[in-house]
Protein backbone atom coordinates (compact mmCIF):
# COMPACT_ATOMS: atom_id res chain seq x y z
CA THR A 1 25.85 11.32 -4.35
CA PRO A 2 23.25 10.22 -1.84
CA PRO A 3 23.93 10.74 1.87
CA LEU A 4 25.33 7.44 3.11
CA MET A 5 25.19 6.22 6.67
CA MET A 6 26.09 3.15 8.66
CA ILE A 7 23.33 0.77 9.64
CA ARG A 8 24.12 1.12 13.33
CA GLU A 9 26.41 3.34 15.34
CA PRO A 10 29.69 1.45 15.85
CA GLU A 11 30.43 3.44 19.02
CA THR A 12 27.35 2.04 20.73
CA ASN A 13 26.88 -1.26 18.89
CA LEU A 14 30.26 -2.61 17.91
CA TRP A 15 29.11 -6.22 18.35
CA HIS A 16 26.72 -5.80 15.41
CA TYR A 17 29.62 -4.95 13.11
CA TYR A 18 31.82 -7.67 14.54
CA LYS A 19 29.13 -10.22 13.57
CA THR A 20 28.29 -8.86 10.12
CA LEU A 21 31.42 -7.34 8.56
CA LYS A 22 32.89 -9.33 5.73
CA VAL A 23 36.67 -9.49 5.81
CA SER A 24 38.97 -10.82 3.09
CA THR A 25 42.72 -10.76 2.64
CA VAL A 26 44.94 -10.32 -0.37
CA ILE A 27 48.68 -10.70 -0.70
CA HIS A 28 50.19 -8.16 -3.09
CA ASN A 29 53.92 -7.41 -3.49
CA GLN A 30 54.68 -9.41 -0.38
CA ARG A 31 52.24 -7.34 1.67
CA LEU A 32 49.13 -8.56 3.38
CA ILE A 33 46.14 -6.35 2.56
CA VAL A 34 43.00 -6.71 4.67
CA LEU A 35 39.76 -5.67 2.94
CA ILE A 36 36.79 -4.89 5.18
CA SER A 37 33.41 -4.51 3.54
CA ILE A 38 31.28 -2.07 5.57
CA PRO A 39 27.58 -2.03 4.65
CA LEU A 40 26.23 1.49 4.11
CA ILE A 41 22.69 2.58 3.40
CA ASN A 42 21.27 5.55 1.58
CA ALA A 43 19.76 7.78 4.28
CA ASN A 44 17.14 9.04 1.79
CA SER A 45 15.72 5.58 1.14
CA ARG A 46 14.96 4.34 4.64
CA LEU A 47 11.59 2.67 4.95
CA GLU A 48 9.41 1.75 7.93
CA LEU A 49 7.67 -1.61 7.89
CA PHE A 50 3.99 -1.88 8.78
CA ARG A 51 2.31 -5.27 9.14
CA ILE A 52 -1.27 -5.25 7.83
CA HIS A 53 -3.97 -6.88 9.94
CA LYS A 54 -7.15 -7.60 8.00
CA LEU A 55 -9.67 -7.04 10.75
CA PRO A 56 -13.41 -7.45 10.22
CA PHE A 57 -15.69 -4.66 11.36
CA PRO A 58 -19.42 -4.46 11.98
CA GLY A 59 -21.58 -2.41 9.68
CA GLN A 60 -23.21 0.76 10.93
CA GLY A 61 -26.68 2.24 10.51
CA GLU A 62 -28.80 0.37 7.95
CA PHE A 63 -25.93 -2.13 7.47
CA SER A 64 -25.67 -3.05 11.17
CA SER A 65 -26.39 -6.73 10.45
CA VAL A 66 -23.41 -6.95 8.06
CA VAL A 67 -19.80 -7.77 8.96
CA ALA A 68 -17.11 -6.94 6.40
CA LYS A 69 -13.40 -6.50 5.87
CA TYR A 70 -11.34 -4.83 3.17
CA ASP A 71 -9.97 -7.01 0.38
CA ILE A 72 -6.27 -6.29 0.90
CA LYS A 73 -3.69 -8.17 -1.15
CA ALA A 74 -0.44 -7.10 0.55
CA TYR A 75 0.81 -8.58 3.82
CA ALA A 76 2.71 -5.43 4.82
CA LEU A 77 3.73 -1.96 3.65
CA ALA A 78 7.18 -0.39 3.60
CA VAL A 79 6.71 3.40 3.77
CA ASN A 80 9.27 6.19 3.56
CA SER A 81 9.50 8.70 6.43
CA GLU A 82 7.94 11.51 4.36
CA ARG A 83 4.92 9.26 3.69
CA THR A 84 5.16 9.93 -0.05
CA GLU A 85 6.26 6.46 -1.30
CA TYR A 86 5.49 2.88 -0.38
CA LEU A 87 6.14 -0.72 -1.36
CA ARG A 88 3.64 -3.55 -1.01
CA LEU A 89 5.24 -6.58 0.61
CA SER A 90 4.34 -10.25 0.57
CA GLU A 91 4.51 -12.30 3.75
CA HIS A 92 7.81 -13.80 2.56
CA ASP A 93 9.31 -10.33 1.93
CA PHE A 94 8.17 -9.07 5.32
CA ARG A 95 9.35 -12.09 7.31
CA SER A 96 12.75 -12.26 5.58
CA CYS A 97 13.26 -8.55 6.24
CA VAL A 98 12.23 -8.70 9.90
CA SER A 99 14.36 -11.77 10.59
CA ASN A 100 17.44 -10.37 8.81
CA PRO A 101 20.26 -10.33 11.40
CA GLU A 102 21.91 -7.40 9.64
CA SER A 103 18.85 -5.20 10.34
CA TYR A 104 18.40 -3.97 6.81
CA CYS A 105 16.55 -5.12 3.73
CA GLU A 106 16.99 -4.50 0.07
CA PHE A 107 13.96 -4.22 -2.17
CA ASN A 108 14.69 -3.90 -5.88
CA ARG A 109 11.28 -2.96 -7.14
CA VAL A 110 9.23 0.06 -8.08
CA ARG A 111 8.03 2.33 -5.31
CA HIS A 112 4.48 3.61 -5.56
CA LEU A 113 3.53 7.22 -4.88
CA MET A 114 1.08 7.66 -2.00
CA GLY A 115 -1.11 10.20 -3.79
CA THR A 116 -1.97 7.95 -6.74
CA ASP A 117 -4.50 5.90 -4.73
CA ARG A 118 -3.75 2.74 -6.69
CA HIS A 119 -3.93 0.35 -3.74
CA CYS A 120 -6.37 0.04 -0.89
CA GLU A 121 -3.54 -0.51 1.60
CA ALA A 122 -2.14 2.98 0.92
CA VAL A 123 -5.56 4.66 1.07
CA LEU A 124 -6.27 3.06 4.45
CA PHE A 125 -2.75 3.82 5.72
CA MET A 126 -3.12 7.52 4.85
CA ARG A 127 -6.68 7.55 6.27
CA ARG A 128 -8.25 8.95 3.11
CA LYS A 129 -11.86 8.22 3.99
CA GLN A 130 -13.33 9.96 0.94
CA ARG A 131 -11.30 7.73 -1.43
CA ARG A 132 -11.91 4.40 0.30
CA SER A 133 -15.09 3.55 -1.59
CA ARG A 134 -13.42 4.16 -4.98
CA VAL A 135 -10.27 2.12 -4.32
CA CYS A 136 -11.12 -0.50 -1.70
CA GLU A 137 -13.38 -3.49 -2.15
CA LEU A 138 -15.30 -4.89 0.78
CA GLN A 139 -15.75 -8.58 1.49
CA VAL A 140 -18.90 -9.49 3.41
CA ILE A 141 -18.31 -12.15 6.05
CA SER A 142 -21.09 -14.53 6.96
CA ASN A 143 -21.57 -16.26 10.32
CA MET A 144 -19.33 -13.80 12.17
CA THR A 145 -19.87 -13.48 15.89
CA PHE A 146 -18.76 -10.59 18.05
CA PRO A 147 -16.79 -9.72 20.04
CA TRP A 148 -13.99 -10.71 17.70
CA PRO A 149 -10.41 -10.64 19.10
CA GLU A 150 -7.23 -10.48 16.97
CA PHE A 151 -3.73 -10.80 18.38
CA ILE A 152 -1.57 -7.98 17.00
CA HIS A 153 1.85 -8.18 18.63
CA ASN A 154 3.54 -8.63 21.99
CA GLY A 155 0.46 -8.57 24.23
CA LEU A 156 -1.50 -6.11 22.06
CA TRP A 157 -4.95 -7.20 20.92
CA ALA A 158 -7.62 -5.59 18.76
CA VAL A 159 -11.22 -6.40 19.65
CA GLY A 160 -14.09 -5.73 17.29
CA THR A 161 -17.61 -5.39 18.66
CA LYS A 162 -21.09 -4.20 17.75
CA GLU A 163 -21.96 -3.06 21.27
CA ALA A 164 -19.79 -1.58 24.01
CA PHE A 165 -18.86 -3.93 26.84
CA THR A 166 -16.43 -4.02 29.75
CA MET A 167 -14.05 -6.83 30.55
CA THR A 168 -11.56 -7.38 33.34
CA GLU A 169 -7.94 -8.18 32.68
CA SER A 170 -6.83 -10.81 35.16
CA CYS A 171 -3.94 -12.88 33.71
CA GLY A 172 -2.53 -13.43 37.21
CA VAL A 173 -1.94 -9.70 37.73
CA PRO A 174 -2.76 -8.58 41.31
CA GLY A 175 -4.19 -5.18 40.26
CA LYS A 176 -6.99 -6.23 37.92
CA ARG A 177 -7.77 -3.67 35.26
CA ARG A 178 -11.15 -3.00 33.65
CA ILE A 179 -11.14 -2.37 29.92
CA THR A 180 -14.09 -0.94 28.01
CA ILE A 181 -14.39 -2.11 24.42
CA LYS A 182 -16.23 0.39 22.22
CA PRO A 183 -17.62 -0.22 18.72
CA PRO A 184 -16.39 -0.81 16.15
CA MET A 185 -12.95 -1.65 17.60
CA THR A 186 -10.61 -1.03 20.54
CA MET A 187 -6.92 -1.83 20.80
């Protein structure tokens, strides 16, 4: 049997269970029986979700006039903690999982092994530079101007550039901060 665990600790987050537990009643032999369905998860199949941002990057060396990005089909990856298996997720899968009030998702599909290098997303995630050219296809982008900013999440931005430059963060903050953006990208 797999090691089962509760989604959240009831001692510290009882409200979560109060909102999500399914309760039903049955009368049997003049007794009221209360059935409480407690969701459990397999501790060995926990996955972390990673949203994929398809960021363009400037070419280097003889390709310095070219801007490209990887042709990535998945919107996100769900990766196990050992980094040996992953699932490719569509935008719908990712959004429905993230917005699930019960804080867990169920994916009934085949998990891919990280070492098989079948998908560009996994090769980039594992930072396997030597295998990128075999697995990943590049898309050349025309009419791209730099610097190129991309909002990531909750105040975090990625900025792509061909040349280093410094900018000042002001946003109404009294202590202005200087940020140096270095090629090809700074977060």
